[in-house]
């Protein structure tokens, strides 16, 4: 059994849509040369999100590990680069690298008990 819908006052107006425009999309304009587009973007201060030629590509680090809690922190770029470098050099994911780092910190500085 379904609930009866409330009357919105349109009546039969929606039954006949013949005078409704078939397409609301604008007609495509003339093609613009890529050079002109790039010059206009540069003149207006647009910054491309495309990687710059020669820039190192960021490596995807997705794999199923059972780690499902997110941990976001702010850090200096040099620290993040070093952390990712350790992960890459050892073939670890970022979560695994964090686990190794925490284990080292616990050995060096103590039990890991929280204080409030």
C-alpha atoms as a PDB file:
ATOM      1  CA  UNK A   1       0.000   0.000   0.000  1.00  0.00           C
ATOM      2  CA  UNK A   2       1.430   3.389  -0.987  1.00  0.00           C
ATOM      3  CA  UNK A   3       0.630   6.753   0.506  1.00  0.00           C
ATOM      4  CA  UNK A   4      -1.365   9.167  -1.627  1.00  0.00           C
ATOM      5  CA  UNK A   5       0.677  12.119  -2.852  1.00  0.00           C
ATOM      6  CA  UNK A   6      -0.278  15.642  -1.934  1.00  0.00           C
ATOM      7  CA  UNK A   7      -1.824  17.773  -4.700  1.00  0.00           C
ATOM      8  CA  UNK A   8       0.669  20.470  -5.700  1.00  0.00           C
ATOM      9  CA  UNK A   9      -1.860  22.402  -7.761  1.00  0.00           C
ATOM     10  CA  UNK A  10      -0.486  21.642 -11.238  1.00  0.00           C
ATOM     11  CA  UNK A  11      -3.481  19.608 -12.273  1.00  0.00           C
ATOM     12  CA  UNK A  12      -3.157  18.250 -15.791  1.00  0.00           C
ATOM     13  CA  UNK A  13      -0.590  20.885 -16.831  1.00  0.00           C
ATOM     14  CA  UNK A  14       2.202  18.331 -16.688  1.00  0.00           C
ATOM     15  CA  UNK A  15       0.364  15.784 -18.817  1.00  0.00           C
ATOM     16  CA  UNK A  16       1.023  17.724 -22.051  1.00  0.00           C
ATOM     17  CA  UNK A  17       4.605  18.941 -22.439  1.00  0.00           C
ATOM     18  CA  UNK A  18       4.458  19.537 -26.199  1.00  0.00           C
ATOM     19  CA  UNK A  19       5.196  23.274 -25.931  1.00  0.00           C
ATOM     20  CA  UNK A  20       8.145  22.685 -23.585  1.00  0.00           C
ATOM     21  CA  UNK A  21      11.499  23.326 -25.328  1.00  0.00           C
ATOM     22  CA  UNK A  22      13.144  20.062 -26.375  1.00  0.00           C
ATOM     23  CA  UNK A  23      16.594  21.275 -25.475  1.00  0.00           C
ATOM     24  CA  UNK A  24      17.555  23.966 -23.017  1.00  0.00           C
ATOM     25  CA  UNK A  25      21.213  23.629 -23.915  1.00  0.00           C
ATOM     26  CA  UNK A  26      22.820  26.528 -25.739  1.00  0.00           C
ATOM     27  CA  UNK A  27      23.956  25.979 -29.284  1.00  0.00           C
ATOM     28  CA  UNK A  28      27.711  25.341 -29.383  1.00  0.00           C
ATOM     29  CA  UNK A  29      29.742  28.407 -30.222  1.00  0.00           C
ATOM     30  CA  UNK A  30      32.554  28.581 -32.726  1.00  0.00           C
ATOM     31  CA  UNK A  31      35.670  26.526 -31.997  1.00  0.00           C
ATOM     32  CA  UNK A  32      38.523  28.518 -30.521  1.00  0.00           C
ATOM     33  CA  UNK A  33      42.140  27.596 -31.177  1.00  0.00           C
ATOM     34  CA  UNK A  34      43.980  26.073 -28.215  1.00  0.00           C
ATOM     35  CA  UNK A  35      46.635  28.811 -28.423  1.00  0.00           C
ATOM     36  CA  UNK A  36      43.977  31.504 -27.982  1.00  0.00           C
ATOM     37  CA  UNK A  37      42.461  29.671 -25.025  1.00  0.00           C
ATOM     38  CA  UNK A  38      45.845  29.320 -23.325  1.00  0.00           C
ATOM     39  CA  UNK A  39      46.661  33.002 -23.918  1.00  0.00           C
ATOM     40  CA  UNK A  40      43.291  34.086 -22.484  1.00  0.00           C
ATOM     41  CA  UNK A  41      43.778  31.830 -19.455  1.00  0.00           C
ATOM     42  CA  UNK A  42      47.265  33.197 -18.833  1.00  0.00           C
ATOM     43  CA  UNK A  43      46.056  36.798 -19.218  1.00  0.00           C
ATOM     44  CA  UNK A  44      43.285  36.240 -16.658  1.00  0.00           C
ATOM     45  CA  UNK A  45      45.640  34.578 -14.145  1.00  0.00           C
ATOM     46  CA  UNK A  46      44.213  31.064 -14.468  1.00  0.00           C
ATOM     47  CA  UNK A  47      46.482  28.413 -12.970  1.00  0.00           C
ATOM     48  CA  UNK A  48      46.325  24.998 -14.597  1.00  0.00           C
ATOM     49  CA  UNK A  49      45.870  21.916 -12.440  1.00  0.00           C
ATOM     50  CA  UNK A  50      47.685  19.768 -14.960  1.00  0.00           C
ATOM     51  CA  UNK A  51      51.083  18.540 -13.760  1.00  0.00           C
ATOM     52  CA  UNK A  52      53.958  20.596 -15.051  1.00  0.00           C
ATOM     53  CA  UNK A  53      56.292  18.847 -17.501  1.00  0.00           C
ATOM     54  CA  UNK A  54      59.091  17.118 -15.623  1.00  0.00           C
ATOM     55  CA  UNK A  55      57.240  17.247 -12.270  1.00  0.00           C
ATOM     56  CA  UNK A  56      57.278  14.016 -10.314  1.00  0.00           C
ATOM     57  CA  UNK A  57      53.941  12.229 -10.511  1.00  0.00           C
ATOM     58  CA  UNK A  58      52.300  11.348  -7.200  1.00  0.00           C
ATOM     59  CA  UNK A  59      52.238   7.634  -6.670  1.00  0.00           C
ATOM     60  CA  UNK A  60      48.941   5.872  -5.910  1.00  0.00           C
ATOM     61  CA  UNK A  61      49.160   3.938  -2.661  1.00  0.00           C
ATOM     62  CA  UNK A  62      45.832   2.118  -2.552  1.00  0.00           C
ATOM     63  CA  UNK A  63      45.627  -1.415  -1.261  1.00  0.00           C
ATOM     64  CA  UNK A  64      43.360  -3.412   1.007  1.00  0.00           C
ATOM     65  CA  UNK A  65      44.884  -3.529   4.473  1.00  0.00           C
ATOM     66  CA  UNK A  66      42.022  -3.465   6.948  1.00  0.00           C
ATOM     67  CA  UNK A  67      43.017   0.025   8.047  1.00  0.00           C
ATOM     68  CA  UNK A  68      39.832   2.064   7.969  1.00  0.00           C
ATOM     69  CA  UNK A  69      40.342   5.028  10.302  1.00  0.00           C
ATOM     70  CA  UNK A  70      41.448   8.316   8.813  1.00  0.00           C
ATOM     71  CA  UNK A  71      44.111  10.439  10.524  1.00  0.00           C
ATOM     72  CA  UNK A  72      44.631  13.946   9.151  1.00  0.00           C
ATOM     73  CA  UNK A  73      47.419  16.203  10.352  1.00  0.00           C
ATOM     74  CA  UNK A  74      49.123  19.314   9.091  1.00  0.00           C
ATOM     75  CA  UNK A  75      52.836  19.248   8.563  1.00  0.00           C
ATOM     76  CA  UNK A  76      55.606  20.942   6.644  1.00  0.00           C
ATOM     77  CA  UNK A  77      56.042  19.794   3.057  1.00  0.00           C
ATOM     78  CA  UNK A  78      59.577  18.552   3.808  1.00  0.00           C
ATOM     79  CA  UNK A  79      58.246  16.270   6.563  1.00  0.00           C
ATOM     80  CA  UNK A  80      55.545  14.811   4.327  1.00  0.00           C
ATOM     81  CA  UNK A  81      58.059  14.293   1.509  1.00  0.00           C
ATOM     82  CA  UNK A  82      60.447  12.510   3.898  1.00  0.00           C
ATOM     83  CA  UNK A  83      57.615  10.350   5.284  1.00  0.00           C
ATOM     84  CA  UNK A  84      56.491   9.362   1.768  1.00  0.00           C
ATOM     85  CA  UNK A  85      60.115   8.729   0.825  1.00  0.00           C
ATOM     86  CA  UNK A  86      60.509   6.266   3.704  1.00  0.00           C
ATOM     87  CA  UNK A  87      57.301   4.537   2.617  1.00  0.00           C
ATOM     88  CA  UNK A  88      58.423   4.336  -1.010  1.00  0.00           C
ATOM     89  CA  UNK A  89      61.938   3.171  -0.187  1.00  0.00           C
ATOM     90  CA  UNK A  90      60.568   0.303   1.917  1.00  0.00           C
ATOM     91  CA  UNK A  91      57.607  -0.584  -0.270  1.00  0.00           C
ATOM     92  CA  UNK A  92      55.158   0.288   2.517  1.00  0.00           C
ATOM     93  CA  UNK A  93      51.802   2.016   2.385  1.00  0.00           C
ATOM     94  CA  UNK A  94      51.419   5.232   4.363  1.00  0.00           C
ATOM     95  CA  UNK A  95      49.424   3.494   7.125  1.00  0.00           C
ATOM     96  CA  UNK A  96      52.089   0.830   7.471  1.00  0.00           C
ATOM     97  CA  UNK A  97      54.789   3.510   7.597  1.00  0.00           C
ATOM     98  CA  UNK A  98      52.903   5.274  10.387  1.00  0.00           C
ATOM     99  CA  UNK A  99      52.679   2.014  12.316  1.00  0.00           C
ATOM    100  CA  UNK A 100      56.448   1.506  12.032  1.00  0.00           C
ATOM    101  CA  UNK A 101      57.061   5.112  13.106  1.00  0.00           C
ATOM    102  CA  UNK A 102      54.785   4.738  16.141  1.00  0.00           C
ATOM    103  CA  UNK A 103      56.530   1.499  17.121  1.00  0.00           C
ATOM    104  CA  UNK A 104      59.906   3.255  16.978  1.00  0.00           C
ATOM    105  CA  UNK A 105      58.596   6.190  19.014  1.00  0.00           C
ATOM    106  CA  UNK A 106      57.168   3.845  21.647  1.00  0.00           C
ATOM    107  CA  UNK A 107      60.505   2.020  21.956  1.00  0.00           C
ATOM    108  CA  UNK A 108      62.354   5.304  22.251  1.00  0.00           C
ATOM    109  CA  UNK A 109      60.004   7.346  24.441  1.00  0.00           C
ATOM    110  CA  UNK A 110      57.727   5.059  26.372  1.00  0.00           C
ATOM    111  CA  UNK A 111      54.571   3.069  26.678  1.00  0.00           C
ATOM    112  CA  UNK A 112      52.145   5.217  24.708  1.00  0.00           C
ATOM    113  CA  UNK A 113      49.753   5.723  27.629  1.00  0.00           C
ATOM    114  CA  UNK A 114      47.550   8.773  27.215  1.00  0.00           C
ATOM    115  CA  UNK A 115      47.422  11.599  29.720  1.00  0.00           C
ATOM    116  CA  UNK A 116      44.430  13.899  30.034  1.00  0.00           C
END
